[in-house]
């Protein structure tokens, strides 16, 4: 699974998956690590993790994915 990714992408994907408690979606996080700049991903991750639990409707991982997709469509993906 990891042979197509460089060590930095793997490390970043695992860091994000662990932070979000979303290890089942490691493949998605690997794809994000390859597609987007680390600064963009960490900015979204920090935003999601800074929200109080009462503001999270489904899960932090779902909100993270939503914000990645929303911001990338708006041209704010760091690329």
PDB file of N, CA and C in Angstrom:
ATOM      1  N   UNK A   1       0.829  -1.202   0.000  1.00  0.00           N
ATOM      2  CA  UNK A   1       0.000   0.000   0.000  1.00  0.00           C
ATOM      3  C   UNK A   1       0.867   1.257   0.000  1.00  0.00           C
ATOM      4  N   UNK A   2       2.002   1.228   0.704  1.00  0.00           N
ATOM      5  CA  UNK A   2       2.808   2.432   0.857  1.00  0.00           C
ATOM      6  C   UNK A   2       3.891   2.594  -0.198  1.00  0.00           C
ATOM      7  N   UNK A   3       4.085   1.621  -1.059  1.00  0.00           N
ATOM      8  CA  UNK A   3       5.217   1.659  -1.978  1.00  0.00           C
ATOM      9  C   UNK A   3       5.192   2.861  -2.919  1.00  0.00           C
ATOM     10  N   UNK A   4       4.033   3.433  -3.175  1.00  0.00           N
ATOM     11  CA  UNK A   4       3.926   4.572  -4.091  1.00  0.00           C
ATOM     12  C   UNK A   4       4.146   5.920  -3.392  1.00  0.00           C
ATOM     13  N   UNK A   5       4.312   5.923  -2.085  1.00  0.00           N
ATOM     14  CA  UNK A   5       4.416   7.169  -1.323  1.00  0.00           C
ATOM     15  C   UNK A   5       5.810   7.320  -0.730  1.00  0.00           C
ATOM     16  N   UNK A   6       6.255   8.570  -0.632  1.00  0.00           N
ATOM     17  CA  UNK A   6       7.561   8.782  -0.014  1.00  0.00           C
ATOM     18  C   UNK A   6       7.396   8.815   1.511  1.00  0.00           C
ATOM     19  N   UNK A   7       8.479   8.652   2.249  1.00  0.00           N
ATOM     20  CA  UNK A   7       8.395   8.571   3.709  1.00  0.00           C
ATOM     21  C   UNK A   7       7.729   9.790   4.354  1.00  0.00           C
ATOM     22  N   UNK A   8       7.951  10.966   3.790  1.00  0.00           N
ATOM     23  CA  UNK A   8       7.336  12.165   4.359  1.00  0.00           C
ATOM     24  C   UNK A   8       5.816  12.126   4.209  1.00  0.00           C
ATOM     25  N   UNK A   9       5.325  11.695   3.066  1.00  0.00           N
ATOM     26  CA  UNK A   9       3.877  11.583   2.843  1.00  0.00           C
ATOM     27  C   UNK A   9       3.268  10.560   3.803  1.00  0.00           C
ATOM     28  N   UNK A  10       3.958   9.462   4.000  1.00  0.00           N
ATOM     29  CA  UNK A  10       3.472   8.419   4.912  1.00  0.00           C
ATOM     30  C   UNK A  10       3.407   8.946   6.340  1.00  0.00           C
ATOM     31  N   UNK A  11       4.469   9.622   6.755  1.00  0.00           N
ATOM     32  CA  UNK A  11       4.512  10.179   8.113  1.00  0.00           C
ATOM     33  C   UNK A  11       3.399  11.204   8.322  1.00  0.00           C
ATOM     34  N   UNK A  12       3.214  12.088   7.370  1.00  0.00           N
ATOM     35  CA  UNK A  12       2.178  13.109   7.475  1.00  0.00           C
ATOM     36  C   UNK A  12       0.790  12.475   7.517  1.00  0.00           C
ATOM     37  N   UNK A  13       0.532  11.512   6.654  1.00  0.00           N
ATOM     38  CA  UNK A  13      -0.781  10.850   6.619  1.00  0.00           C
ATOM     39  C   UNK A  13      -1.074  10.163   7.953  1.00  0.00           C
ATOM     40  N   UNK A  14      -0.076   9.501   8.522  1.00  0.00           N
ATOM     41  CA  UNK A  14      -0.274   8.833   9.814  1.00  0.00           C
ATOM     42  C   UNK A  14      -0.485   9.844  10.928  1.00  0.00           C
ATOM     43  N   UNK A  15       0.241  10.936  10.898  1.00  0.00           N
ATOM     44  CA  UNK A  15       0.063  11.979  11.911  1.00  0.00           C
ATOM     45  C   UNK A  15      -1.371  12.519  11.882  1.00  0.00           C
ATOM     46  N   UNK A  16      -1.868  12.793  10.688  1.00  0.00           N
ATOM     47  CA  UNK A  16      -3.233  13.326  10.548  1.00  0.00           C
ATOM     48  C   UNK A  16      -4.250  12.276  10.977  1.00  0.00           C
ATOM     49  N   UNK A  17      -4.094  11.042  10.506  1.00  0.00           N
ATOM     50  CA  UNK A  17      -5.036   9.973  10.856  1.00  0.00           C
ATOM     51  C   UNK A  17      -5.067   9.744  12.366  1.00  0.00           C
ATOM     52  N   UNK A  18      -3.906   9.752  12.997  1.00  0.00           N
ATOM     53  CA  UNK A  18      -3.852   9.552  14.447  1.00  0.00           C
ATOM     54  C   UNK A  18      -4.481  10.714  15.200  1.00  0.00           C
ATOM     55  N   UNK A  19      -4.209  11.927  14.756  1.00  0.00           N
ATOM     56  CA  UNK A  19      -4.778  13.103  15.411  1.00  0.00           C
ATOM     57  C   UNK A  19      -6.301  13.085  15.337  1.00  0.00           C
ATOM     58  N   UNK A  20      -6.825  12.693  14.189  1.00  0.00           N
ATOM     59  CA  UNK A  20      -8.277  12.648  13.986  1.00  0.00           C
ATOM     60  C   UNK A  20      -8.904  11.351  14.500  1.00  0.00           C
ATOM     61  N   UNK A  21      -8.077  10.427  14.986  1.00  0.00           N
ATOM     62  CA  UNK A  21      -8.555   9.100  15.378  1.00  0.00           C
ATOM     63  C   UNK A  21      -9.321   8.466  14.212  1.00  0.00           C
ATOM     64  N   UNK A  22      -8.677   8.501  13.034  1.00  0.00           N
ATOM     65  CA  UNK A  22      -9.299   8.072  11.784  1.00  0.00           C
ATOM     66  C   UNK A  22      -8.353   7.168  10.993  1.00  0.00           C
ATOM     67  N   UNK A  23      -7.782   6.186  11.686  1.00  0.00           N
ATOM     68  CA  UNK A  23      -6.806   5.312  11.042  1.00  0.00           C
ATOM     69  C   UNK A  23      -7.415   4.436   9.952  1.00  0.00           C
ATOM     70  N   UNK A  24      -8.722   4.235   9.977  1.00  0.00           N
ATOM     71  CA  UNK A  24      -9.372   3.447   8.919  1.00  0.00           C
ATOM     72  C   UNK A  24      -9.305   4.141   7.563  1.00  0.00           C
ATOM     73  N   UNK A  25      -9.096   5.451   7.556  1.00  0.00           N
ATOM     74  CA  UNK A  25      -9.061   6.226   6.312  1.00  0.00           C
ATOM     75  C   UNK A  25      -7.643   6.601   5.898  1.00  0.00           C
ATOM     76  N   UNK A  26      -6.674   5.784   6.264  1.00  0.00           N
ATOM     77  CA  UNK A  26      -5.271   6.116   5.984  1.00  0.00           C
ATOM     78  C   UNK A  26      -5.032   6.304   4.484  1.00  0.00           C
ATOM     79  N   UNK A  27      -5.712   5.550   3.648  1.00  0.00           N
ATOM     80  CA  UNK A  27      -5.534   5.699   2.197  1.00  0.00           C
ATOM     81  C   UNK A  27      -5.930   7.095   1.745  1.00  0.00           C
ATOM     82  N   UNK A  28      -7.024   7.606   2.262  1.00  0.00           N
ATOM     83  CA  UNK A  28      -7.456   8.965   1.925  1.00  0.00           C
ATOM     84  C   UNK A  28      -6.430   9.988   2.401  1.00  0.00           C
ATOM     85  N   UNK A  29      -5.907   9.795   3.601  1.00  0.00           N
ATOM     86  CA  UNK A  29      -4.920  10.735   4.131  1.00  0.00           C
ATOM     87  C   UNK A  29      -3.614  10.684   3.340  1.00  0.00           C
ATOM     88  N   UNK A  30      -3.256   9.512   2.848  1.00  0.00           N
ATOM     89  CA  UNK A  30      -2.090   9.404   1.973  1.00  0.00           C
ATOM     90  C   UNK A  30      -2.316  10.175   0.674  1.00  0.00           C
ATOM     91  N   UNK A  31      -3.502  10.059   0.120  1.00  0.00           N
ATOM     92  CA  UNK A  31      -3.818  10.797  -1.114  1.00  0.00           C
ATOM     93  C   UNK A  31      -3.757  12.299  -0.871  1.00  0.00           C
ATOM     94  N   UNK A  32      -4.297  12.746   0.249  1.00  0.00           N
ATOM     95  CA  UNK A  32      -4.237  14.173   0.587  1.00  0.00           C
ATOM     96  C   UNK A  32      -2.782  14.629   0.764  1.00  0.00           C
ATOM     97  N   UNK A  33      -1.974  13.796   1.427  1.00  0.00           N
ATOM     98  CA  UNK A  33      -0.573  14.156   1.660  1.00  0.00           C
ATOM     99  C   UNK A  33       0.185  14.310   0.348  1.00  0.00           C
ATOM    100  N   UNK A  34      -0.195  13.558  -0.646  1.00  0.00           N
ATOM    101  CA  UNK A  34       0.447  13.663  -1.956  1.00  0.00           C
ATOM    102  C   UNK A  34      -0.090  14.868  -2.725  1.00  0.00           C
ATOM    103  N   UNK A  35      -1.379  15.134  -2.623  1.00  0.00           N
ATOM    104  CA  UNK A  35      -2.033  16.143  -3.463  1.00  0.00           C
ATOM    105  C   UNK A  35      -1.859  17.572  -2.940  1.00  0.00           C
ATOM    106  N   UNK A  36      -1.847  17.738  -1.629  1.00  0.00           N
ATOM    107  CA  UNK A  36      -1.848  19.079  -1.036  1.00  0.00           C
ATOM    108  C   UNK A  36      -0.572  19.343  -0.249  1.00  0.00           C
ATOM    109  N   UNK A  37      -0.273  20.612  -0.090  1.00  0.00           N
ATOM    110  CA  UNK A  37       0.891  21.007   0.704  1.00  0.00           C
ATOM    111  C   UNK A  37       0.623  20.727   2.184  1.00  0.00           C
ATOM    112  N   UNK A  38       1.691  20.382   2.880  1.00  0.00           N
ATOM    113  CA  UNK A  38       1.595  20.072   4.304  1.00  0.00           C
ATOM    114  C   UNK A  38       1.005  21.249   5.092  1.00  0.00           C
ATOM    115  N   UNK A  39       1.397  22.464   4.765  1.00  0.00           N
ATOM    116  CA  UNK A  39       0.904  23.642   5.490  1.00  0.00           C
ATOM    117  C   UNK A  39      -0.617  23.756   5.382  1.00  0.00           C
ATOM    118  N   UNK A  40      -1.156  23.491   4.193  1.00  0.00           N
ATOM    119  CA  UNK A  40      -2.602  23.538   3.982  1.00  0.00           C
ATOM    120  C   UNK A  40      -3.296  22.477   4.839  1.00  0.00           C
ATOM    121  N   UNK A  41      -2.792  21.252   4.800  1.00  0.00           N
ATOM    122  CA  UNK A  41      -3.410  20.163   5.559  1.00  0.00           C
ATOM    123  C   UNK A  41      -3.348  20.434   7.056  1.00  0.00           C
ATOM    124  N   UNK A  42      -2.225  20.930   7.527  1.00  0.00           N
ATOM    125  CA  UNK A  42      -2.086  21.185   8.964  1.00  0.00           C
ATOM    126  C   UNK A  42      -2.930  22.374   9.410  1.00  0.00           C
ATOM    127  N   UNK A  43      -3.108  23.351   8.528  1.00  0.00           N
ATOM    128  CA  UNK A  43      -3.968  24.486   8.871  1.00  0.00           C
ATOM    129  C   UNK A  43      -5.409  24.006   9.073  1.00  0.00           C
ATOM    130  N   UNK A  44      -5.883  23.154   8.172  1.00  0.00           N
ATOM    131  CA  UNK A  44      -7.234  22.612   8.299  1.00  0.00           C
ATOM    132  C   UNK A  44      -7.328  21.721   9.536  1.00  0.00           C
ATOM    133  N   UNK A  45      -6.317  20.885   9.748  1.00  0.00           N
ATOM    134  CA  UNK A  45      -6.303  20.006  10.914  1.00  0.00           C
ATOM    135  C   UNK A  45      -6.350  20.810  12.207  1.00  0.00           C
ATOM    136  N   UNK A  46      -5.553  21.863  12.300  1.00  0.00           N
ATOM    137  CA  UNK A  46      -5.551  22.699  13.505  1.00  0.00           C
ATOM    138  C   UNK A  46      -6.905  23.357  13.728  1.00  0.00           C
ATOM    139  N   UNK A  47      -7.527  23.793  12.656  1.00  0.00           N
ATOM    140  CA  UNK A  47      -8.856  24.410  12.761  1.00  0.00           C
ATOM    141  C   UNK A  47      -9.862  23.404  13.312  1.00  0.00           C
ATOM    142  N   UNK A  48      -9.857  22.201  12.756  1.00  0.00           N
ATOM    143  CA  UNK A  48     -10.794  21.158  13.185  1.00  0.00           C
ATOM    144  C   UNK A  48     -10.548  20.772  14.639  1.00  0.00           C
ATOM    145  N   UNK A  49      -9.297  20.629  15.012  1.00  0.00           N
ATOM    146  CA  UNK A  49      -8.974  20.198  16.374  1.00  0.00           C
ATOM    147  C   UNK A  49      -9.213  21.294  17.411  1.00  0.00           C
ATOM    148  N   UNK A  50      -9.266  22.547  16.986  1.00  0.00           N
ATOM    149  CA  UNK A  50      -9.481  23.644  17.935  1.00  0.00           C
ATOM    150  C   UNK A  50     -10.956  23.847  18.278  1.00  0.00           C
ATOM    151  N   UNK A  51     -11.839  23.235  17.516  1.00  0.00           N
ATOM    152  CA  UNK A  51     -13.271  23.398  17.771  1.00  0.00           C
ATOM    153  C   UNK A  51     -13.708  22.582  18.986  1.00  0.00           C
ATOM    154  N   UNK A  52     -14.617  23.133  19.780  1.00  0.00           N
ATOM    155  CA  UNK A  52     -15.141  22.353  20.904  1.00  0.00           C
ATOM    156  C   UNK A  52     -16.007  21.189  20.392  1.00  0.00           C
ATOM    157  N   UNK A  53     -16.088  20.155  21.179  1.00  0.00           N
ATOM    158  CA  UNK A  53     -16.877  18.979  20.786  1.00  0.00           C
ATOM    159  C   UNK A  53     -18.313  19.341  20.414  1.00  0.00           C
ATOM    160  N   UNK A  54     -18.872  20.332  21.074  1.00  0.00           N
ATOM    161  CA  UNK A  54     -20.266  20.708  20.814  1.00  0.00           C
ATOM    162  C   UNK A  54     -20.480  21.246  19.401  1.00  0.00           C
ATOM    163  N   UNK A  55     -19.415  21.670  18.727  1.00  0.00           N
ATOM    164  CA  UNK A  55     -19.510  22.199  17.364  1.00  0.00           C
ATOM    165  C   UNK A  55     -19.339  21.116  16.297  1.00  0.00           C
ATOM    166  N   UNK A  56     -18.998  19.898  16.712  1.00  0.00           N
ATOM    167  CA  UNK A  56     -18.762  18.798  15.783  1.00  0.00           C
ATOM    168  C   UNK A  56     -20.056  18.011  15.634  1.00  0.00           C
ATOM    169  N   UNK A  57     -20.591  17.970  14.413  1.00  0.00           N
ATOM    170  CA  UNK A  57     -21.861  17.281  14.193  1.00  0.00           C
ATOM    171  C   UNK A  57     -21.678  15.782  14.010  1.00  0.00           C
ATOM    172  N   UNK A  58     -20.799  15.363  13.096  1.00  0.00           N
ATOM    173  CA  UNK A  58     -20.598  13.931  12.829  1.00  0.00           C
ATOM    174  C   UNK A  58     -19.312  13.454  13.489  1.00  0.00           C
ATOM    175  N   UNK A  59     -18.189  13.921  12.972  1.00  0.00           N
ATOM    176  CA  UNK A  59     -16.888  13.573  13.542  1.00  0.00           C
ATOM    177  C   UNK A  59     -15.880  14.608  13.077  1.00  0.00           C
ATOM    178  N   UNK A  60     -14.767  14.689  13.771  1.00  0.00           N
ATOM    179  CA  UNK A  60     -13.711  15.606  13.360  1.00  0.00           C
ATOM    180  C   UNK A  60     -13.157  15.193  11.999  1.00  0.00           C
ATOM    181  N   UNK A  61     -13.065  13.893  11.764  1.00  0.00           N
ATOM    182  CA  UNK A  61     -12.556  13.396  10.484  1.00  0.00           C
ATOM    183  C   UNK A  61     -13.483  13.811   9.338  1.00  0.00           C
ATOM    184  N   UNK A  62     -14.781  13.719   9.550  1.00  0.00           N
ATOM    185  CA  UNK A  62     -15.736  14.118   8.508  1.00  0.00           C
ATOM    186  C   UNK A  62     -15.632  15.617   8.238  1.00  0.00           C
ATOM    187  N   UNK A  63     -15.494  16.411   9.283  1.00  0.00           N
ATOM    188  CA  UNK A  63     -15.350  17.857   9.110  1.00  0.00           C
ATOM    189  C   UNK A  63     -14.041  18.179   8.398  1.00  0.00           C
ATOM    190  N   UNK A  64     -12.979  17.500   8.746  1.00  0.00           N
ATOM    191  CA  UNK A  64     -11.679  17.694   8.100  1.00  0.00           C
ATOM    192  C   UNK A  64     -11.799  17.434   6.597  1.00  0.00           C
ATOM    193  N   UNK A  65     -12.392  16.314   6.236  1.00  0.00           N
ATOM    194  CA  UNK A  65     -12.565  15.967   4.825  1.00  0.00           C
ATOM    195  C   UNK A  65     -13.417  17.004   4.108  1.00  0.00           C
ATOM    196  N   UNK A  66     -14.490  17.428   4.744  1.00  0.00           N
ATOM    197  CA  UNK A  66     -15.355  18.456   4.155  1.00  0.00           C
ATOM    198  C   UNK A  66     -14.571  19.742   3.910  1.00  0.00           C
ATOM    199  N   UNK A  67     -13.811  20.188   4.893  1.00  0.00           N
ATOM    200  CA  UNK A  67     -13.066  21.447   4.761  1.00  0.00           C
ATOM    201  C   UNK A  67     -11.943  21.343   3.734  1.00  0.00           C
ATOM    202  N   UNK A  68     -11.298  20.191   3.645  1.00  0.00           N
ATOM    203  CA  UNK A  68     -10.266  19.996   2.613  1.00  0.00           C
ATOM    204  C   UNK A  68     -10.902  20.174   1.244  1.00  0.00           C
ATOM    205  N   UNK A  69     -12.009  19.485   1.019  1.00  0.00           N
ATOM    206  CA  UNK A  69     -12.675  19.554  -0.282  1.00  0.00           C
ATOM    207  C   UNK A  69     -13.213  20.950  -0.570  1.00  0.00           C
ATOM    208  N   UNK A  70     -13.802  21.588   0.413  1.00  0.00           N
ATOM    209  CA  UNK A  70     -14.354  22.928   0.230  1.00  0.00           C
ATOM    210  C   UNK A  70     -13.252  23.938  -0.087  1.00  0.00           C
ATOM    211  N   UNK A  71     -12.169  23.889   0.654  1.00  0.00           N
ATOM    212  CA  UNK A  71     -11.085  24.848   0.446  1.00  0.00           C
ATOM    213  C   UNK A  71     -10.325  24.589  -0.844  1.00  0.00           C
ATOM    214  N   UNK A  72     -10.214  23.337  -1.241  1.00  0.00           N
ATOM    215  CA  UNK A  72      -9.508  23.050  -2.492  1.00  0.00           C
ATOM    216  C   UNK A  72     -10.321  23.530  -3.695  1.00  0.00           C
ATOM    217  N   UNK A  73     -11.642  23.452  -3.604  1.00  0.00           N
ATOM    218  CA  UNK A  73     -12.498  23.976  -4.687  1.00  0.00           C
ATOM    219  C   UNK A  73     -12.415  25.494  -4.772  1.00  0.00           C
ATOM    220  N   UNK A  74     -12.166  26.128  -3.640  1.00  0.00           N
ATOM    221  CA  UNK A  74     -12.075  27.595  -3.603  1.00  0.00           C
ATOM    222  C   UNK A  74     -10.677  28.079  -3.935  1.00  0.00           C
ATOM    223  N   UNK A  75      -9.798  27.168  -4.332  1.00  0.00           N
ATOM    224  CA  UNK A  75      -8.442  27.561  -4.726  1.00  0.00           C
ATOM    225  C   UNK A  75      -7.530  27.865  -3.554  1.00  0.00           C
ATOM    226  N   UNK A  76      -7.863  27.376  -2.387  1.00  0.00           N
ATOM    227  CA  UNK A  76      -7.074  27.664  -1.185  1.00  0.00           C
ATOM    228  C   UNK A  76      -6.322  26.426  -0.704  1.00  0.00           C
ATOM    229  N   UNK A  77      -5.903  25.580  -1.634  1.00  0.00           N
ATOM    230  CA  UNK A  77      -5.296  24.313  -1.254  1.00  0.00           C
ATOM    231  C   UNK A  77      -3.787  24.392  -1.068  1.00  0.00           C
ATOM    232  N   UNK A  78      -3.223  25.534  -1.274  1.00  0.00           N
ATOM    233  CA  UNK A  78      -1.784  25.660  -1.111  1.00  0.00           C
ATOM    234  C   UNK A  78      -0.989  25.259  -2.324  1.00  0.00           C
ATOM    235  N   UNK A  79      -1.658  24.875  -3.390  1.00  0.00           N
ATOM    236  CA  UNK A  79      -0.941  24.517  -4.627  1.00  0.00           C
ATOM    237  C   UNK A  79      -1.179  25.573  -5.674  1.00  0.00           C
TER     238      UNK A  79
END
